[in-house]
Every structure is written in structure tokens, then in C-alpha cells.
Amino acid sequence: MRRSPTEPADPANSAPAGHNGGPPLDDEHTPEWGNGGIGNYFYWKAAHRAAWKNPSPGIVAFRIRKAERLGLTYEEYTLEILERGRHMQVEDVERIAQIKRARAARAVNHRK
């Protein structure tokens, strides 16, 4: 026996009258800033964009040389400047070791 194209395949799973057959609308939308209040989200987003904006070639070259001398990547060195507000020195042995340990842990977690 053939079914008509308008007849549902399984009456138990059929949608109610007026339903367009689309996905359920039960999933709540989570905004970009999360479930909490918006707070200073857009200020922080603009500041983050400005902080990582392309610096001059001279500054990039300086940071690359300094990062290599300390055994860090350009991103690690720049992030440290942005977070702490100061350029790292050779004497910052413990902080440099922390950054390298975190890099190693990320590499191990990435492989899993």
C-alpha cells in the first residue's frame, strides 16, 4: 500500500498541525559573552583587538629577538607584556619556567 506524500511516515512521530518540521526551538541561545550579564564585554573585546593589533615591524623584531633569547615564542612573550605590563628579563627565571611548563602541558593535552 502506498502512502500519499502528505501522510506522515510514522504517526507516533508526526508533528502537530501547523508545525513546519524544523528543528526544535527548545535549545537556549547562549550569547557571545556567556550566560552572565554583559558587563564590560565590548570594552574588553575592543581592548583585546587593540592589544593584538599589528605593531610596527621594529617592535615585532625586538620582541622576536627578546623571546628567542628567553626561550619563549613571540606569542608567549607578547602575552606576558600585555598581562603584566612589563618586558621580561633574563632574571625572571621562575616565570619563564612556568610559561615553558604550561607550553609543555598544552602540548601533552593537545596530543590526547
N, C-alpha and C. Protein backbone atom coordinates (compact mmCIF):
# COMPACT_ATOMS: atom_id res chain seq x y z
N MET A 1 0.84 -1.17 0.00
CA MET A 1 0.00 0.00 0.00
C MET A 1 0.89 1.24 0.00
N ARG A 2 0.63 2.16 -0.89
CA ARG A 2 1.42 3.39 -0.97
C ARG A 2 0.81 4.49 -0.11
N ARG A 3 1.73 5.29 0.49
CA ARG A 3 1.27 6.43 1.26
C ARG A 3 1.24 7.66 0.37
N SER A 4 0.40 8.56 0.69
CA SER A 4 0.41 9.83 -0.05
C SER A 4 1.57 10.68 0.47
N PRO A 5 2.12 11.61 -0.33
CA PRO A 5 3.25 12.43 0.10
C PRO A 5 2.95 13.28 1.33
N THR A 6 1.71 13.57 1.59
CA THR A 6 1.37 14.40 2.75
C THR A 6 1.16 13.58 4.01
N GLU A 7 1.08 12.26 3.87
CA GLU A 7 0.85 11.41 5.02
C GLU A 7 2.18 11.17 5.74
N PRO A 8 2.24 11.36 7.09
CA PRO A 8 3.50 11.15 7.82
C PRO A 8 3.92 9.69 7.78
N ALA A 9 5.24 9.44 7.82
CA ALA A 9 5.79 8.09 7.77
C ALA A 9 5.41 7.31 9.01
N ASP A 10 5.45 7.95 10.16
CA ASP A 10 5.15 7.28 11.42
C ASP A 10 4.20 8.19 12.20
N PRO A 11 2.97 7.80 12.36
CA PRO A 11 2.01 8.67 13.04
C PRO A 11 2.43 9.01 14.47
N ALA A 12 3.22 8.16 15.15
CA ALA A 12 3.65 8.44 16.52
C ALA A 12 4.64 9.60 16.57
N ASN A 13 5.44 9.79 15.52
CA ASN A 13 6.44 10.86 15.49
C ASN A 13 5.99 12.06 14.67
N SER A 14 4.74 12.11 14.33
CA SER A 14 4.28 13.21 13.48
C SER A 14 4.22 14.51 14.28
N ALA A 15 4.45 15.62 13.57
CA ALA A 15 4.40 16.94 14.18
C ALA A 15 2.96 17.39 14.27
N PRO A 16 2.64 18.24 15.24
CA PRO A 16 1.27 18.73 15.36
C PRO A 16 0.91 19.61 14.17
N ALA A 17 -0.35 19.82 13.98
CA ALA A 17 -0.84 20.66 12.87
C ALA A 17 -0.23 22.05 12.99
N GLY A 18 0.23 22.59 11.88
CA GLY A 18 0.82 23.92 11.87
C GLY A 18 2.32 23.92 12.10
N HIS A 19 2.91 22.77 12.42
CA HIS A 19 4.35 22.68 12.63
C HIS A 19 5.06 22.63 11.28
N ASN A 20 6.14 23.35 11.14
CA ASN A 20 6.83 23.38 9.84
C ASN A 20 7.88 22.29 9.68
N GLY A 21 8.06 21.43 10.68
CA GLY A 21 9.00 20.34 10.58
C GLY A 21 10.45 20.75 10.81
N GLY A 22 10.67 21.98 11.27
CA GLY A 22 12.02 22.46 11.53
C GLY A 22 12.56 21.94 12.85
N PRO A 23 13.78 22.35 13.20
CA PRO A 23 14.39 21.87 14.44
C PRO A 23 13.64 22.42 15.66
N PRO A 24 13.77 21.76 16.79
CA PRO A 24 13.09 22.25 17.99
C PRO A 24 13.68 23.59 18.43
N LEU A 25 12.86 24.40 19.02
CA LEU A 25 13.30 25.71 19.49
C LEU A 25 13.59 25.71 20.98
N ASP A 26 13.76 24.53 21.55
CA ASP A 26 13.99 24.40 22.98
C ASP A 26 15.41 24.80 23.38
N ASP A 27 16.38 24.65 22.48
CA ASP A 27 17.76 24.98 22.81
C ASP A 27 17.87 26.48 23.05
N GLU A 28 18.37 26.84 24.22
CA GLU A 28 18.52 28.26 24.53
C GLU A 28 19.75 28.81 23.84
N HIS A 29 19.62 30.00 23.34
CA HIS A 29 20.74 30.70 22.71
C HIS A 29 21.67 31.21 23.80
N THR A 30 22.96 30.94 23.67
CA THR A 30 23.94 31.48 24.60
C THR A 30 24.68 32.61 23.88
N PRO A 31 24.60 33.82 24.41
CA PRO A 31 25.28 34.93 23.75
C PRO A 31 26.79 34.78 23.83
N GLU A 32 27.48 35.55 23.02
CA GLU A 32 28.94 35.51 22.93
C GLU A 32 29.62 35.72 24.28
N TRP A 33 29.03 36.52 25.17
CA TRP A 33 29.63 36.85 26.45
C TRP A 33 29.24 35.88 27.54
N GLY A 34 28.48 34.85 27.21
CA GLY A 34 28.12 33.83 28.18
C GLY A 34 26.75 34.08 28.78
N ASN A 35 26.43 33.37 29.84
CA ASN A 35 25.11 33.45 30.44
C ASN A 35 24.99 34.56 31.47
N GLY A 36 26.12 35.11 31.92
CA GLY A 36 26.07 36.20 32.90
C GLY A 36 25.70 37.50 32.23
N GLY A 37 25.78 38.56 32.99
CA GLY A 37 25.49 39.88 32.45
C GLY A 37 26.54 40.30 31.43
N ILE A 38 26.21 41.29 30.64
CA ILE A 38 27.11 41.72 29.58
C ILE A 38 28.29 42.51 30.13
N GLY A 39 28.07 43.23 31.23
CA GLY A 39 29.15 43.97 31.89
C GLY A 39 29.97 44.79 30.92
N ASN A 40 31.26 44.62 30.96
CA ASN A 40 32.20 45.38 30.12
C ASN A 40 32.67 44.57 28.92
N TYR A 41 31.86 43.62 28.49
CA TYR A 41 32.28 42.70 27.44
C TYR A 41 32.82 43.42 26.20
N PHE A 42 32.09 44.40 25.69
CA PHE A 42 32.50 45.05 24.45
C PHE A 42 33.74 45.92 24.65
N TYR A 43 33.91 46.49 25.85
CA TYR A 43 35.14 47.24 26.14
C TYR A 43 36.34 46.30 26.14
N TRP A 44 36.18 45.14 26.77
CA TRP A 44 37.26 44.16 26.81
C TRP A 44 37.58 43.64 25.42
N LYS A 45 36.54 43.41 24.63
CA LYS A 45 36.75 42.90 23.27
C LYS A 45 37.52 43.91 22.43
N ALA A 46 37.17 45.19 22.53
CA ALA A 46 37.88 46.24 21.80
C ALA A 46 39.32 46.36 22.29
N ALA A 47 39.52 46.26 23.60
CA ALA A 47 40.88 46.36 24.15
C ALA A 47 41.72 45.17 23.69
N HIS A 48 41.14 43.99 23.64
CA HIS A 48 41.87 42.80 23.19
C HIS A 48 42.28 42.96 21.73
N ARG A 49 41.34 43.44 20.91
CA ARG A 49 41.65 43.67 19.49
C ARG A 49 42.78 44.68 19.33
N ALA A 50 42.72 45.75 20.09
CA ALA A 50 43.75 46.79 20.00
C ALA A 50 45.10 46.28 20.49
N ALA A 51 45.09 45.45 21.52
CA ALA A 51 46.35 44.94 22.07
C ALA A 51 47.08 44.03 21.08
N TRP A 52 46.33 43.23 20.31
CA TRP A 52 46.94 42.30 19.38
C TRP A 52 47.03 42.88 17.97
N LYS A 53 46.67 44.15 17.82
CA LYS A 53 46.77 44.79 16.51
C LYS A 53 48.24 44.77 16.08
N ASN A 54 48.48 44.76 14.79
CA ASN A 54 49.85 44.66 14.29
C ASN A 54 50.72 45.82 14.75
N PRO A 55 51.73 45.52 15.56
CA PRO A 55 52.68 46.56 15.93
C PRO A 55 53.64 46.83 14.78
N SER A 56 54.46 47.83 14.93
CA SER A 56 55.40 48.18 13.87
C SER A 56 56.41 47.04 13.68
N PRO A 57 57.01 46.95 12.50
CA PRO A 57 58.00 45.88 12.25
C PRO A 57 59.17 45.93 13.23
N GLY A 58 59.55 47.12 13.65
CA GLY A 58 60.65 47.24 14.61
C GLY A 58 60.31 46.62 15.95
N ILE A 59 59.08 46.84 16.41
CA ILE A 59 58.66 46.27 17.68
C ILE A 59 58.56 44.75 17.57
N VAL A 60 58.03 44.27 16.46
CA VAL A 60 57.92 42.82 16.25
C VAL A 60 59.31 42.19 16.26
N ALA A 61 60.26 42.79 15.55
CA ALA A 61 61.63 42.25 15.51
C ALA A 61 62.26 42.25 16.90
N PHE A 62 62.05 43.33 17.67
CA PHE A 62 62.59 43.41 19.03
C PHE A 62 62.02 42.28 19.89
N ARG A 63 60.69 42.10 19.81
CA ARG A 63 60.05 41.07 20.63
C ARG A 63 60.48 39.67 20.22
N ILE A 64 60.66 39.44 18.95
CA ILE A 64 61.11 38.12 18.47
C ILE A 64 62.50 37.83 19.01
N ARG A 65 63.41 38.79 18.88
CA ARG A 65 64.78 38.58 19.39
C ARG A 65 64.78 38.33 20.89
N LYS A 66 64.01 39.14 21.61
CA LYS A 66 63.96 39.00 23.06
C LYS A 66 63.34 37.66 23.46
N ALA A 67 62.27 37.26 22.77
CA ALA A 67 61.62 35.99 23.08
C ALA A 67 62.56 34.82 22.83
N GLU A 68 63.28 34.85 21.69
CA GLU A 68 64.22 33.78 21.39
C GLU A 68 65.32 33.70 22.44
N ARG A 69 65.78 34.85 22.88
CA ARG A 69 66.84 34.89 23.89
C ARG A 69 66.36 34.25 25.20
N LEU A 70 65.05 34.39 25.49
CA LEU A 70 64.49 33.84 26.72
C LEU A 70 63.96 32.42 26.55
N GLY A 71 63.96 31.92 25.30
CA GLY A 71 63.45 30.58 25.04
C GLY A 71 61.93 30.52 24.95
N LEU A 72 61.30 31.66 24.62
CA LEU A 72 59.85 31.73 24.50
C LEU A 72 59.45 31.98 23.06
N THR A 73 58.16 31.80 22.79
CA THR A 73 57.64 32.14 21.46
C THR A 73 57.27 33.63 21.48
N TYR A 74 57.10 34.18 20.30
CA TYR A 74 56.67 35.58 20.19
C TYR A 74 55.35 35.79 20.92
N GLU A 75 54.40 34.86 20.75
CA GLU A 75 53.09 34.98 21.38
C GLU A 75 53.20 34.94 22.89
N GLU A 76 54.01 34.03 23.42
CA GLU A 76 54.19 33.94 24.87
C GLU A 76 54.79 35.22 25.43
N TYR A 77 55.80 35.73 24.75
CA TYR A 77 56.46 36.95 25.21
C TYR A 77 55.51 38.14 25.15
N THR A 78 54.78 38.29 24.04
CA THR A 78 53.85 39.41 23.89
C THR A 78 52.71 39.31 24.90
N LEU A 79 52.19 38.12 25.12
CA LEU A 79 51.13 37.94 26.09
C LEU A 79 51.60 38.34 27.49
N GLU A 80 52.82 38.04 27.80
CA GLU A 80 53.38 38.41 29.10
C GLU A 80 53.44 39.93 29.24
N ILE A 81 53.81 40.63 28.18
CA ILE A 81 53.82 42.09 28.21
C ILE A 81 52.40 42.61 28.43
N LEU A 82 51.44 42.05 27.71
CA LEU A 82 50.06 42.51 27.81
C LEU A 82 49.46 42.21 29.18
N GLU A 83 49.80 41.05 29.75
CA GLU A 83 49.22 40.68 31.04
C GLU A 83 49.88 41.39 32.21
N ARG A 84 51.20 41.51 32.17
CA ARG A 84 51.94 42.03 33.32
C ARG A 84 52.35 43.50 33.16
N GLY A 85 52.35 43.98 31.92
CA GLY A 85 52.72 45.37 31.70
C GLY A 85 54.21 45.64 31.76
N ARG A 86 55.01 44.61 31.60
CA ARG A 86 56.46 44.79 31.62
C ARG A 86 57.14 43.78 30.72
N HIS A 87 58.32 44.13 30.25
CA HIS A 87 59.11 43.22 29.42
C HIS A 87 59.88 42.28 30.34
N MET A 88 59.87 41.01 29.99
CA MET A 88 60.57 40.02 30.80
C MET A 88 62.07 40.17 30.62
N GLN A 89 62.79 39.82 31.67
CA GLN A 89 64.24 39.88 31.68
C GLN A 89 64.80 38.48 31.92
N VAL A 90 66.07 38.31 31.68
CA VAL A 90 66.73 37.02 31.91
C VAL A 90 66.60 36.60 33.37
N GLU A 91 66.50 37.58 34.26
CA GLU A 91 66.40 37.30 35.69
C GLU A 91 65.04 36.71 36.09
N ASP A 92 64.06 36.79 35.23
CA ASP A 92 62.72 36.26 35.52
C ASP A 92 62.68 34.75 35.29
N VAL A 93 63.62 34.05 35.87
CA VAL A 93 63.82 32.62 35.64
C VAL A 93 62.57 31.82 35.99
N GLU A 94 61.99 32.08 37.16
CA GLU A 94 60.84 31.28 37.60
C GLU A 94 59.64 31.48 36.69
N ARG A 95 59.35 32.71 36.29
CA ARG A 95 58.21 32.97 35.41
C ARG A 95 58.42 32.33 34.04
N ILE A 96 59.63 32.41 33.53
CA ILE A 96 59.94 31.79 32.24
C ILE A 96 59.74 30.28 32.33
N ALA A 97 60.18 29.68 33.45
CA ALA A 97 60.00 28.24 33.65
C ALA A 97 58.51 27.89 33.71
N GLN A 98 57.69 28.74 34.36
CA GLN A 98 56.24 28.49 34.42
C GLN A 98 55.63 28.50 33.02
N ILE A 99 56.03 29.46 32.21
CA ILE A 99 55.49 29.55 30.85
C ILE A 99 55.87 28.32 30.04
N LYS A 100 57.11 27.87 30.18
CA LYS A 100 57.55 26.68 29.45
C LYS A 100 56.83 25.43 29.92
N ARG A 101 56.58 25.32 31.23
CA ARG A 101 55.84 24.16 31.75
C ARG A 101 54.41 24.17 31.21
N ALA A 102 53.80 25.35 31.16
CA ALA A 102 52.43 25.46 30.63
C ALA A 102 52.40 25.08 29.16
N ARG A 103 53.43 25.47 28.41
CA ARG A 103 53.52 25.12 26.99
C ARG A 103 53.62 23.60 26.84
N ALA A 104 54.45 22.97 27.66
CA ALA A 104 54.61 21.51 27.60
C ALA A 104 53.31 20.80 27.96
N ALA A 105 52.59 21.32 28.96
CA ALA A 105 51.32 20.71 29.36
C ALA A 105 50.29 20.84 28.24
N ARG A 106 50.25 21.99 27.57
CA ARG A 106 49.32 22.18 26.45
C ARG A 106 49.65 21.21 25.32
N ALA A 107 50.94 20.98 25.07
CA ALA A 107 51.35 20.06 24.01
C ALA A 107 50.91 18.64 24.34
N VAL A 108 51.04 18.24 25.60
CA VAL A 108 50.63 16.89 26.02
C VAL A 108 49.13 16.76 25.89
N ASN A 109 48.37 17.76 26.34
CA ASN A 109 46.91 17.71 26.25
C ASN A 109 46.43 17.74 24.81
N HIS A 110 47.17 18.43 23.97
CA HIS A 110 46.80 18.52 22.56
C HIS A 110 46.93 17.18 21.85
N ARG A 111 47.91 16.38 22.28
CA ARG A 111 48.15 15.07 21.65
C ARG A 111 47.11 14.05 22.03
N LYS A 112 46.42 14.26 23.15
CA LYS A 112 45.44 13.28 23.65
C LYS A 112 44.22 13.23 22.79
